[in-house]
Structures are given as C-alpha cells and as structure tokens.
Protein backbone atom coordinates (compact mmCIF):
# COMPACT_ATOMS: atom_id res chain seq x y z
CA MET A 1 155.53 80.20 68.50
CA PRO A 2 157.59 77.35 70.04
CA GLY A 3 161.31 77.28 69.43
CA SER A 4 163.04 75.29 66.71
CA ARG A 5 164.42 72.76 69.17
CA GLU A 6 160.99 72.02 70.63
CA ILE A 7 159.48 71.53 67.18
CA ARG A 8 162.38 69.30 66.12
CA ASN A 9 161.97 67.11 69.24
CA LYS A 10 158.24 66.84 68.60
CA ILE A 11 158.82 65.78 64.97
CA ARG A 12 161.29 63.12 66.14
CA SER A 13 158.77 61.83 68.71
CA ILE A 14 155.97 61.60 66.13
CA LYS A 15 158.26 59.78 63.69
CA ASN A 16 159.05 57.18 66.38
CA THR A 17 155.32 56.73 67.02
CA GLN A 18 154.70 56.40 63.29
CA LYS A 19 157.24 53.58 63.09
CA ILE A 20 155.34 51.72 65.83
CA THR A 21 151.92 52.17 64.21
CA LYS A 22 153.33 51.13 60.82
CA ALA A 23 154.79 47.96 62.32
CA MET A 24 151.50 47.19 64.09
CA GLU A 25 149.65 47.71 60.81
CA MET A 26 151.87 45.18 59.02
CA VAL A 27 151.53 42.63 61.85
CA ALA A 28 147.75 43.05 61.90
CA ALA A 29 147.61 42.62 58.10
CA ALA A 30 149.52 39.32 58.32
CA LYS A 31 147.29 38.04 61.16
CA MET A 32 144.17 39.29 59.39
CA ARG A 33 144.70 37.02 56.40
CA LYS A 34 144.97 33.95 58.61
CA ALA A 35 141.96 35.00 60.69
CA GLN A 36 139.84 35.59 57.59
CA GLU A 37 140.80 32.20 56.16
CA ARG A 38 139.90 30.57 59.48
CA THR A 39 136.53 32.35 59.49
CA ARG A 40 135.65 31.36 55.95
CA ALA A 41 136.69 27.77 56.57
CA SER A 42 134.51 27.44 59.70
CA ARG A 43 131.34 29.08 58.36
CA PRO A 44 130.01 26.18 56.20
CA TYR A 45 130.19 23.73 59.12
CA ALA A 46 128.60 26.16 61.58
CA PHE A 47 125.67 26.99 59.29
CA ARG A 48 125.11 23.33 58.35
CA VAL A 49 124.90 22.36 62.03
CA LEU A 50 122.50 25.26 62.59
CA ASN A 51 120.33 24.02 59.73
CA ILE A 52 120.20 20.52 61.23
CA VAL A 53 119.25 21.63 64.74
CA THR A 54 116.63 24.03 63.33
CA HIS A 55 114.93 20.99 61.79
CA LEU A 56 115.34 19.09 65.06
CA ALA A 57 113.58 21.89 66.92
CA ARG A 58 110.49 21.40 64.71
CA ALA A 59 110.50 17.60 64.79
CA HIS A 60 108.22 15.46 66.95
CA THR A 61 110.79 13.68 69.12
CA GLU A 62 109.84 11.03 71.64
CA TYR A 63 112.64 12.33 73.87
CA LYS A 64 112.33 16.04 74.70
CA HIS A 65 115.80 17.48 75.15
CA PRO A 66 116.14 20.43 77.61
CA PHE A 67 117.57 22.59 74.80
CA LEU A 68 114.34 22.05 72.85
CA THR A 69 112.21 23.23 75.77
CA ARG A 70 110.62 26.67 75.56
CA TYR A 71 109.77 28.18 78.92
CA PRO A 72 106.36 29.90 79.13
CA GLU A 73 107.79 32.85 81.06
CA VAL A 74 111.21 34.51 80.73
CA ARG A 75 112.42 35.77 84.11
CA ARG A 76 116.17 35.52 83.60
CA VAL A 77 118.33 35.42 80.46
CA GLY A 78 121.95 34.51 79.85
CA ALA A 79 124.29 36.34 77.47
CA ILE A 80 127.71 35.30 76.13
CA VAL A 81 129.62 38.50 75.29
CA VAL A 82 132.58 38.09 72.90
CA THR A 83 135.11 40.94 72.75
CA THR A 84 138.83 41.37 72.16
CA ASP A 85 141.65 40.93 74.66
CA LYS A 86 143.58 43.94 73.32
CA GLY A 87 142.68 47.46 72.29
CA LEU A 88 143.85 49.72 69.43
CA CYS A 89 141.17 48.35 67.11
CA GLY A 90 139.03 51.44 66.58
CA GLY A 91 135.39 51.36 67.65
CA LEU A 92 135.01 47.59 67.27
CA ASN A 93 134.28 46.82 70.92
CA THR A 94 132.48 50.12 71.50
CA ASN A 95 129.88 49.50 68.80
CA MET A 96 129.11 45.97 70.00
CA LEU A 97 128.93 46.97 73.68
CA ARG A 98 126.64 49.87 72.76
CA MET A 99 124.27 47.34 71.19
CA LEU A 100 124.55 45.21 74.36
CA ILE A 101 123.64 48.19 76.55
CA GLY A 102 120.54 48.82 74.47
CA GLN A 103 119.44 45.20 74.89
CA VAL A 104 120.21 45.28 78.63
CA ARG A 105 117.97 48.32 79.03
CA THR A 106 115.18 46.52 77.20
CA TRP A 107 115.51 43.55 79.54
CA GLN A 108 115.58 45.80 82.59
CA GLN A 109 112.40 47.57 81.51
CA ALA A 110 110.73 44.18 81.15
CA GLY A 111 111.89 43.15 84.64
CA VAL A 112 114.18 40.39 83.33
CA GLU A 113 117.31 39.49 85.28
CA MET A 114 120.61 38.71 83.51
CA GLU A 115 123.67 36.48 83.76
CA PHE A 116 126.76 37.02 81.63
CA CYS A 117 129.64 34.98 80.31
CA ALA A 118 132.53 37.22 79.19
CA ILE A 119 134.95 36.05 76.49
CA GLY A 120 137.72 38.63 76.15
CA THR A 121 139.36 41.07 78.54
CA LYS A 122 137.59 44.18 77.22
CA GLY A 123 134.13 42.70 77.68
CA LEU A 124 134.96 41.35 81.14
CA GLY A 125 136.21 44.74 82.31
CA PHE A 126 133.15 46.50 80.87
CA LEU A 127 130.70 44.10 82.54
CA GLN A 128 132.48 44.42 85.88
CA ARG A 129 132.36 48.21 85.71
CA MET A 130 128.67 47.97 84.82
CA GLY A 131 128.07 45.85 87.93
CA ALA A 132 126.71 42.92 85.89
CA ASN A 133 126.40 39.36 87.19
CA VAL A 134 129.36 37.63 85.47
CA VAL A 135 129.16 33.89 86.20
CA SER A 136 132.03 32.74 83.92
CA ASN A 137 134.75 34.21 81.76
CA VAL A 138 137.58 33.30 79.40
CA VAL A 139 140.45 35.69 78.62
CA HIS A 140 143.80 35.63 76.81
CA LEU A 141 142.80 33.24 74.02
CA GLY A 142 145.69 34.35 71.82
CA ASP A 143 145.58 34.69 68.04
CA THR A 144 144.32 31.12 67.47
CA PRO A 145 141.27 30.17 69.58
CA HIS A 146 140.93 26.59 70.82
CA LEU A 147 137.56 25.07 71.63
CA GLU A 148 138.80 23.30 74.76
CA LEU A 149 139.48 26.72 76.35
CA LEU A 150 135.86 27.77 75.78
CA ILE A 151 134.03 24.62 76.87
CA GLY A 152 134.19 25.32 80.62
CA ALA A 153 132.66 28.79 80.40
CA ILE A 154 130.05 27.61 77.91
CA LYS A 155 129.02 24.69 80.12
CA VAL A 156 128.20 27.06 82.99
CA MET A 157 125.61 28.78 80.79
CA LEU A 158 124.25 25.50 79.40
CA ASP A 159 123.81 24.08 82.91
CA ALA A 160 121.97 27.26 83.89
CA TYR A 161 119.55 26.75 81.00
CA SER A 162 119.11 23.02 81.61
CA SER A 163 118.32 23.64 85.28
CA GLY A 164 115.81 26.36 84.42
CA ARG A 165 117.79 29.16 86.07
CA VAL A 166 117.82 31.05 82.77
CA GLN A 167 115.07 30.73 80.17
CA GLU A 168 116.92 32.16 77.13
CA LEU A 169 120.55 32.26 76.04
CA TYR A 170 122.09 34.75 73.60
CA VAL A 171 125.53 35.44 72.13
CA PHE A 172 126.84 38.93 71.30
CA ASN A 173 129.82 39.38 69.00
CA ASN A 174 131.11 41.24 65.95
CA ARG A 175 130.36 39.71 62.54
CA PHE A 176 133.00 39.90 59.83
CA VAL A 177 131.64 41.32 56.56
CA ASN A 178 134.82 42.48 54.84
CA THR A 179 138.12 44.16 55.69
CA MET A 180 136.52 47.60 55.96
CA LYS A 181 133.21 46.58 57.54
CA GLN A 182 132.41 44.75 60.77
CA GLU A 183 128.97 44.82 62.34
CA PRO A 184 127.64 44.03 65.85
CA TRP A 185 125.71 40.77 65.96
CA ARG A 186 123.22 39.24 68.36
CA ALA A 187 121.95 35.67 67.98
CA GLN A 188 119.68 33.49 70.10
CA LEU A 189 121.25 30.16 71.03
CA LEU A 190 118.59 28.67 73.29
CA PRO A 191 115.82 27.79 72.95
CA LEU A 192 116.63 26.71 69.42
CA PRO A 193 115.37 29.26 66.88
CA GLN A 194 112.67 28.44 64.36
CA GLN A 195 114.69 30.31 61.72
CA TYR A 196 118.34 31.08 61.11
CA ARG A 197 120.62 33.28 59.04
CA ASN A 198 122.75 31.95 56.22
CA GLU A 199 126.30 33.01 55.36
CA LYS A 200 124.99 36.13 53.59
CA GLY A 201 123.01 37.18 56.67
CA GLU A 202 119.64 36.35 55.07
CA VAL A 203 116.91 35.02 57.36
CA ILE A 204 115.81 31.48 56.42
CA ALA A 205 112.91 29.66 58.07
CA SER A 206 112.83 25.90 58.45
CA THR A 207 110.77 24.21 55.75
CA ALA A 208 109.73 21.36 58.04
CA ALA A 209 106.18 21.34 59.41
CA THR A 210 106.15 21.45 63.20
CA GLY A 211 105.55 18.12 64.89
CA LEU A 212 104.58 16.16 61.76
CA TRP A 213 107.80 14.20 61.23
CA ASP A 214 110.92 12.97 63.00
CA TYR A 215 114.37 11.50 62.39
CA LEU A 216 115.40 7.91 62.91
CA TYR A 217 118.00 7.90 65.70
CA GLU A 218 120.86 5.46 66.17
CA PRO A 219 121.55 4.26 68.85
CA ASP A 220 118.75 6.28 70.53
CA ALA A 221 117.27 9.81 70.56
CA LYS A 222 118.80 10.88 73.90
CA THR A 223 122.38 9.97 72.99
CA MET A 224 122.15 11.53 69.55
CA LEU A 225 120.42 14.73 70.63
CA ASP A 226 122.80 15.25 73.56
CA ALA A 227 125.78 15.02 71.22
CA VAL A 228 124.34 17.07 68.33
CA LEU A 229 122.85 19.89 70.39
CA THR A 230 125.94 20.28 72.58
CA ARG A 231 128.10 20.34 69.46
CA TYR A 232 125.77 22.96 68.00
CA ILE A 233 126.19 25.34 70.94
CA GLU A 234 129.97 24.85 71.02
CA SER A 235 130.27 25.44 67.27
CA ARG A 236 128.13 28.61 67.42
CA VAL A 237 130.22 30.11 70.22
CA TYR A 238 133.47 29.07 68.54
CA GLN A 239 132.24 30.63 65.30
CA ALA A 240 131.45 33.85 67.18
CA VAL A 241 134.98 33.93 68.63
CA VAL A 242 136.59 33.25 65.23
CA GLU A 243 134.47 35.94 63.56
CA ASN A 244 135.35 38.41 66.31
CA MET A 245 139.09 37.74 65.90
CA ALA A 246 138.88 38.36 62.16
CA CYS A 247 137.08 41.62 62.91
CA GLU A 248 139.72 42.55 65.48
CA GLN A 249 142.67 42.17 63.10
CA SER A 250 140.87 43.98 60.28
CA ALA A 251 139.84 46.86 62.53
CA ARG A 252 143.33 47.11 64.02
CA MET A 253 144.96 47.20 60.59
CA VAL A 254 142.62 50.00 59.47
CA ALA A 255 143.09 51.91 62.73
CA MET A 256 146.89 51.67 62.60
CA LYS A 257 146.94 52.73 58.93
CA SER A 258 144.83 55.75 59.82
CA ALA A 259 147.17 56.54 62.72
CA SER A 260 150.23 56.28 60.45
CA ASP A 261 148.63 58.57 57.86
CA ASN A 262 147.66 61.12 60.52
CA ALA A 263 151.20 61.04 61.90
CA GLY A 264 152.56 61.72 58.41
CA ASN A 265 150.23 64.71 57.99
CA LEU A 266 151.22 66.05 61.40
CA ILE A 267 154.92 65.67 60.57
CA ASP A 268 154.41 67.65 57.35
CA GLU A 269 152.64 70.45 59.24
CA LEU A 270 155.32 70.60 61.94
CA THR A 271 158.09 70.54 59.33
CA LEU A 272 156.51 73.58 57.64
CA ILE A 273 156.29 75.39 61.00
CA TYR A 274 159.88 74.43 61.79
CA ASN A 275 161.14 75.78 58.46
CA LYS A 276 159.26 79.03 59.00
CA ALA A 277 160.69 79.39 62.49
CA ARG A 278 164.20 78.67 61.25
CA GLN A 279 163.83 81.14 58.39
CA ALA A 280 162.56 83.80 60.79
CA ALA A 281 165.54 83.19 63.08
CA ILE A 282 168.00 83.50 60.17
CA THR A 283 166.31 86.68 58.93
CA LYS A 284 166.52 88.15 62.43
CA GLU A 285 170.22 87.37 62.71
CA LEU A 286 170.94 88.93 59.30
CA SER A 287 168.98 92.03 60.27
CA GLU A 288 170.99 92.36 63.48
CA ILE A 289 174.29 91.97 61.57
CA VAL A 290 173.26 94.56 58.96
CA GLY A 291 172.04 96.93 61.65
CA GLY A 292 175.27 96.55 63.61
CA ALA A 293 177.40 97.17 60.51
CA ALA A 294 175.42 100.30 59.65
CA ALA A 295 175.87 101.63 63.19
CA VAL A 296 179.65 101.20 62.94
C-alpha cells in the first residue's frame, strides 16, 4: 500500500485537475448556448435555399448550369470534411471519421478516386495521416465561423466540379440533435439532389415534375442560377460548420462533466484509502508504545 504522503499528493493533483475540467465545463456550457442559437437561427434559411435549388434541378432551363449537370460516369469524387480544431470533446470526431472511413472504403472498392477539403485541425491531421489527397483546408475558425474564411476552400472544390475533375461532391459533418446527442452526417452537394432532408431529418422529394416547367428569370437564367447555386453551396457548407460547432461545445460540456464526476469518485476512493493508511499507522504506533511500556 502506498504511503500517506503519496496518497495525499495524488489527491491534491486530482483536485487540481478537477478544477480545470469544471472550469472547461462551464465555459463550454456558455459557448454551447450561443452555438445552439446560431444553429437554430441558420437552419430555416439553409433548408429554404435547399428547397429552391431542388426545384431548380428538376426544371427545364434553357441555360444548363454546370452544377445541374450529372456526369454519366463517376471516376473521382470530392469530399468536404468538417471537424473540430480542438479536442476534449469525447468521441465526436471519432464517430464522424469512422463513417468517413467506411465511405472511403466503398469508393476504393468501386475504383473511384478522391479529393478532400478539410475544415478543422483534427480532420486535416487525420486525412494527412491517412495519405489522402487534400487539395484545400481551413483551420482555426474560432468560436464564431465567418463565411469569408470558408469561400476560398469551397471554391477549389466547386472549380473541380465545374471543370469535370470530380463528378460528385459531398460534405461530412456532425449534425446537432440535442445537447446529449450528436450524429455523423453525410450529404450530397453536387450534382443537386432530387430530394432533401428537412429540419427534422425527414427525407422530402421535390413535388415538381422533371422538365415540365421552369421559372421566369430576371435579368437572365445564367446570372440568376450562378448566384443562387453558388449561394446554395456556401450556405450548406456554412450550415455544416455551424452545426459541427454546436456539436463540439455540447460534446465538450458532457465530456468535461463526466471527467469532473470521475475525478470526484476517484478522490473519494483515495480519501478512504488515505484514512485507512493513517489509521493503520496510528494503530501501529500505539502498539509499539504499549509494547515498549510493557517491556519496561
């Protein structure tokens, strides 16, 4: 059994760690509220834009935008991977990257090549260790993401699709459900999907008949479609980043609370061991004193 001094030093060390995890829990809780409000505020716009472009994808337009083009053969795909910049958030990144690995294996078995855009330090490091082809990345976004920081990396992937270098474009991120639940999410960005998911995650198909109708464009179809479809991609990626940040703060708060609780349980166990060791030492000293007095 370790000595009383060693146990006392260990208890002091765990208490110091518990103070840190408790402070991180409170900071994450404060940031989580803001991140959740930002997520809820951005969802209606993102899903409304998605609804509009889903109808556009089924319309009979005189101008065929590259984003509306479906390639007959898929030889190379692009993937935007959204992760956190910091750790200590439980299995948030692990679960999403595990889903990504499964999809990568499926593509490899089909003989499809891949290009990646990494948003977040954790995802960038993972893709580099995996030996993936990372063509663009964005890191250190902070607690409040700004669209202008994402546009450059997104444009690299959009140019690759417009030029025909990649035939499909996906985004991988964590979707915020509630404080205790976050789930990995994969969505197809390009070519535009024929169906989409609403805010509840339900799959909704476009009600428009393919090729039988069209919008009236002002000033012209090219200008309008270029603006709307580019805004659609930017809003979807921004929504993915916002959702992932809300997941990050929620997961970190839960992880730090669990760490604080575990530290408290460990302190209680060590305190019991310390008291037993101290009591045994006192009993031994009393026995020695009594034995010495009897010998005299």
